[in-house]
């Protein structure tokens, strides 16, 4: 089984910074795309940023130039560095990852499967 756990949320004043982390655990062979989404009260969940296994990135227009997505494959961890935060960035932030997992015996993998997983969400509140 695969689990994603986010951390790093909190309350910050406008103009401040936060760094979110998302760590995947389980019998993971590889992580493909990793993304961060957010959902504000009364709004639909929206894509904030995504990073591919080849480190290509894409950002929502509203966060370009302020947020940076990155990943450390050795730690199965993704990050979202958020700078120049605005009150409109207030939301619950969710991590998403496309994971290949299975059973490992030495260097050989058995029963490989692919799944799309979500973290539990972390609250980010930006005060004006």
C-alpha atoms as a PDB file:
ATOM      1  CA  UNK A   1       0.000   0.000   0.000  1.00  0.00           C
ATOM      2  CA  UNK A   2       1.161   3.519  -0.766  1.00  0.00           C
ATOM      3  CA  UNK A   3       0.590   6.556   1.408  1.00  0.00           C
ATOM      4  CA  UNK A   4       1.317  10.237   0.864  1.00  0.00           C
ATOM      5  CA  UNK A   5       1.879  12.460   3.873  1.00  0.00           C
ATOM      6  CA  UNK A   6       2.055  16.243   3.578  1.00  0.00           C
ATOM      7  CA  UNK A   7       3.596  18.665   6.024  1.00  0.00           C
ATOM      8  CA  UNK A   8       4.604  22.298   6.236  1.00  0.00           C
ATOM      9  CA  UNK A   9       1.282  24.091   6.202  1.00  0.00           C
ATOM     10  CA  UNK A  10       0.438  26.858   8.624  1.00  0.00           C
ATOM     11  CA  UNK A  11      -0.503  30.498   8.999  1.00  0.00           C
ATOM     12  CA  UNK A  12       1.634  33.266   7.565  1.00  0.00           C
ATOM     13  CA  UNK A  13       1.236  36.957   6.854  1.00  0.00           C
ATOM     14  CA  UNK A  14       0.890  38.227   3.321  1.00  0.00           C
ATOM     15  CA  UNK A  15       4.299  38.403   1.660  1.00  0.00           C
ATOM     16  CA  UNK A  16       5.628  35.521   3.708  1.00  0.00           C
ATOM     17  CA  UNK A  17       6.815  32.065   2.677  1.00  0.00           C
ATOM     18  CA  UNK A  18       6.029  28.437   3.404  1.00  0.00           C
ATOM     19  CA  UNK A  19       7.501  25.186   2.170  1.00  0.00           C
ATOM     20  CA  UNK A  20       5.258  22.166   1.811  1.00  0.00           C
ATOM     21  CA  UNK A  21       6.590  18.620   1.717  1.00  0.00           C
ATOM     22  CA  UNK A  22       4.958  15.427   0.501  1.00  0.00           C
ATOM     23  CA  UNK A  23       6.552  12.068   1.266  1.00  0.00           C
ATOM     24  CA  UNK A  24       5.408   8.811  -0.277  1.00  0.00           C
ATOM     25  CA  UNK A  25       5.836   5.567   1.648  1.00  0.00           C
ATOM     26  CA  UNK A  26       5.338   1.931   0.746  1.00  0.00           C
ATOM     27  CA  UNK A  27       6.942  -0.536  -1.631  1.00  0.00           C
ATOM     28  CA  UNK A  28       7.546   2.066  -4.323  1.00  0.00           C
ATOM     29  CA  UNK A  29       9.485   1.372  -7.467  1.00  0.00           C
ATOM     30  CA  UNK A  30       9.109   4.821  -8.984  1.00  0.00           C
ATOM     31  CA  UNK A  31       7.052   7.977  -8.863  1.00  0.00           C
ATOM     32  CA  UNK A  32       5.955   9.496 -12.125  1.00  0.00           C
ATOM     33  CA  UNK A  33       4.204  12.875 -12.051  1.00  0.00           C
ATOM     34  CA  UNK A  34       3.856  14.657  -8.726  1.00  0.00           C
ATOM     35  CA  UNK A  35       1.518  17.567  -8.305  1.00  0.00           C
ATOM     36  CA  UNK A  36       0.157  20.023  -5.797  1.00  0.00           C
ATOM     37  CA  UNK A  37      -3.487  21.025  -5.825  1.00  0.00           C
ATOM     38  CA  UNK A  38      -5.462  23.349  -3.598  1.00  0.00           C
ATOM     39  CA  UNK A  39      -9.056  23.816  -2.615  1.00  0.00           C
ATOM     40  CA  UNK A  40     -10.391  26.982  -1.051  1.00  0.00           C
ATOM     41  CA  UNK A  41     -13.749  27.054   0.775  1.00  0.00           C
ATOM     42  CA  UNK A  42     -16.620  26.977  -1.694  1.00  0.00           C
ATOM     43  CA  UNK A  43     -14.333  26.433  -4.678  1.00  0.00           C
ATOM     44  CA  UNK A  44     -13.290  23.475  -6.770  1.00  0.00           C
ATOM     45  CA  UNK A  45      -9.918  21.827  -6.334  1.00  0.00           C
ATOM     46  CA  UNK A  46      -7.398  23.342  -8.750  1.00  0.00           C
ATOM     47  CA  UNK A  47      -3.956  22.420  -9.975  1.00  0.00           C
ATOM     48  CA  UNK A  48      -1.186  24.573  -8.510  1.00  0.00           C
ATOM     49  CA  UNK A  49       1.939  22.954  -9.937  1.00  0.00           C
ATOM     50  CA  UNK A  50       3.122  19.676 -11.379  1.00  0.00           C
ATOM     51  CA  UNK A  51       6.524  18.088 -11.928  1.00  0.00           C
ATOM     52  CA  UNK A  52       7.217  15.118 -14.167  1.00  0.00           C
ATOM     53  CA  UNK A  53       9.684  12.299 -13.600  1.00  0.00           C
ATOM     54  CA  UNK A  54      11.961  14.189 -15.986  1.00  0.00           C
ATOM     55  CA  UNK A  55      11.718  17.319 -13.834  1.00  0.00           C
ATOM     56  CA  UNK A  56       9.585  19.252 -16.305  1.00  0.00           C
ATOM     57  CA  UNK A  57       7.346  21.662 -14.433  1.00  0.00           C
ATOM     58  CA  UNK A  58       4.109  23.486 -15.047  1.00  0.00           C
ATOM     59  CA  UNK A  59       2.375  26.088 -12.903  1.00  0.00           C
ATOM     60  CA  UNK A  60      -1.004  27.727 -12.615  1.00  0.00           C
ATOM     61  CA  UNK A  61      -0.851  31.288 -13.900  1.00  0.00           C
ATOM     62  CA  UNK A  62      -1.812  32.581 -10.454  1.00  0.00           C
ATOM     63  CA  UNK A  63       1.363  31.220  -8.837  1.00  0.00           C
ATOM     64  CA  UNK A  64       3.953  31.590 -11.603  1.00  0.00           C
ATOM     65  CA  UNK A  65       7.030  33.394 -10.372  1.00  0.00           C
ATOM     66  CA  UNK A  66       6.070  32.886  -6.719  1.00  0.00           C
ATOM     67  CA  UNK A  67       5.885  29.108  -6.232  1.00  0.00           C
ATOM     68  CA  UNK A  68       8.504  26.480  -7.081  1.00  0.00           C
ATOM     69  CA  UNK A  69       7.864  22.751  -7.258  1.00  0.00           C
ATOM     70  CA  UNK A  70      10.714  20.279  -6.857  1.00  0.00           C
ATOM     71  CA  UNK A  71      11.339  16.664  -5.931  1.00  0.00           C
ATOM     72  CA  UNK A  72      13.951  14.411  -4.345  1.00  0.00           C
ATOM     73  CA  UNK A  73      13.535  10.964  -5.877  1.00  0.00           C
ATOM     74  CA  UNK A  74      15.960   9.402  -3.392  1.00  0.00           C
ATOM     75  CA  UNK A  75      13.543  10.355  -0.609  1.00  0.00           C
ATOM     76  CA  UNK A  76      10.282   9.842  -2.544  1.00  0.00           C
ATOM     77  CA  UNK A  77       9.491  13.414  -1.559  1.00  0.00           C
ATOM     78  CA  UNK A  78       8.095  16.400  -3.381  1.00  0.00           C
ATOM     79  CA  UNK A  79       8.206  20.025  -2.301  1.00  0.00           C
ATOM     80  CA  UNK A  80       6.322  23.227  -2.952  1.00  0.00           C
ATOM     81  CA  UNK A  81       8.182  26.403  -2.040  1.00  0.00           C
ATOM     82  CA  UNK A  82       5.680  29.238  -1.752  1.00  0.00           C
ATOM     83  CA  UNK A  83       6.957  32.807  -1.651  1.00  0.00           C
ATOM     84  CA  UNK A  84       5.218  36.179  -1.707  1.00  0.00           C
ATOM     85  CA  UNK A  85       2.087  34.571  -0.389  1.00  0.00           C
ATOM     86  CA  UNK A  86      -1.227  36.339  -0.843  1.00  0.00           C
ATOM     87  CA  UNK A  87      -4.510  35.997   1.061  1.00  0.00           C
ATOM     88  CA  UNK A  88      -6.014  34.397  -2.045  1.00  0.00           C
ATOM     89  CA  UNK A  89      -3.520  31.529  -1.669  1.00  0.00           C
ATOM     90  CA  UNK A  90      -5.414  30.432   1.451  1.00  0.00           C
ATOM     91  CA  UNK A  91      -6.627  26.879   0.901  1.00  0.00           C
ATOM     92  CA  UNK A  92      -6.114  23.253   1.793  1.00  0.00           C
ATOM     93  CA  UNK A  93      -3.173  22.016  -0.267  1.00  0.00           C
ATOM     94  CA  UNK A  94      -3.108  18.429  -1.477  1.00  0.00           C
ATOM     95  CA  UNK A  95      -0.268  16.382  -2.870  1.00  0.00           C
ATOM     96  CA  UNK A  96      -0.891  13.942  -5.714  1.00  0.00           C
ATOM     97  CA  UNK A  97       1.432  11.325  -7.150  1.00  0.00           C
ATOM     98  CA  UNK A  98       1.323   8.660  -9.831  1.00  0.00           C
ATOM     99  CA  UNK A  99       3.149   5.693  -8.313  1.00  0.00           C
ATOM    100  CA  UNK A 100       4.489   2.397  -9.609  1.00  0.00           C
ATOM    101  CA  UNK A 101       4.671  -0.100  -6.748  1.00  0.00           C
ATOM    102  CA  UNK A 102       5.001  -3.806  -6.134  1.00  0.00           C
ATOM    103  CA  UNK A 103       7.036  -6.445  -4.328  1.00  0.00           C
ATOM    104  CA  UNK A 104      10.802  -6.320  -4.417  1.00  0.00           C
ATOM    105  CA  UNK A 105      13.214  -9.237  -4.114  1.00  0.00           C
ATOM    106  CA  UNK A 106      16.761  -7.980  -4.402  1.00  0.00           C
ATOM    107  CA  UNK A 107      16.869  -6.033  -7.642  1.00  0.00           C
ATOM    108  CA  UNK A 108      13.804  -7.727  -9.132  1.00  0.00           C
ATOM    109  CA  UNK A 109      10.279  -6.330  -8.865  1.00  0.00           C
ATOM    110  CA  UNK A 110       7.167  -8.499  -8.970  1.00  0.00           C
ATOM    111  CA  UNK A 111       3.501  -7.682  -9.395  1.00  0.00           C
ATOM    112  CA  UNK A 112       4.042  -4.094 -10.465  1.00  0.00           C
ATOM    113  CA  UNK A 113       0.972  -1.896 -10.333  1.00  0.00           C
ATOM    114  CA  UNK A 114       0.252   1.744 -11.030  1.00  0.00           C
ATOM    115  CA  UNK A 115      -1.866   3.965  -8.843  1.00  0.00           C
ATOM    116  CA  UNK A 116      -2.855   7.571  -8.347  1.00  0.00           C
ATOM    117  CA  UNK A 117      -2.631   8.688  -4.745  1.00  0.00           C
ATOM    118  CA  UNK A 118      -3.577  11.747  -2.705  1.00  0.00           C
ATOM    119  CA  UNK A 119      -2.345  13.084   0.596  1.00  0.00           C
ATOM    120  CA  UNK A 120      -4.646  14.100   3.417  1.00  0.00           C
ATOM    121  CA  UNK A 121      -4.189  17.812   2.802  1.00  0.00           C
ATOM    122  CA  UNK A 122      -2.495  20.579   4.743  1.00  0.00           C
ATOM    123  CA  UNK A 123      -4.030  23.951   5.557  1.00  0.00           C
ATOM    124  CA  UNK A 124      -2.330  27.117   4.363  1.00  0.00           C
ATOM    125  CA  UNK A 125      -3.733  30.384   5.691  1.00  0.00           C
ATOM    126  CA  UNK A 126      -2.402  33.747   4.561  1.00  0.00           C
ATOM    127  CA  UNK A 127      -3.516  36.742   6.592  1.00  0.00           C
ATOM    128  CA  UNK A 128      -3.640  40.253   5.197  1.00  0.00           C
END
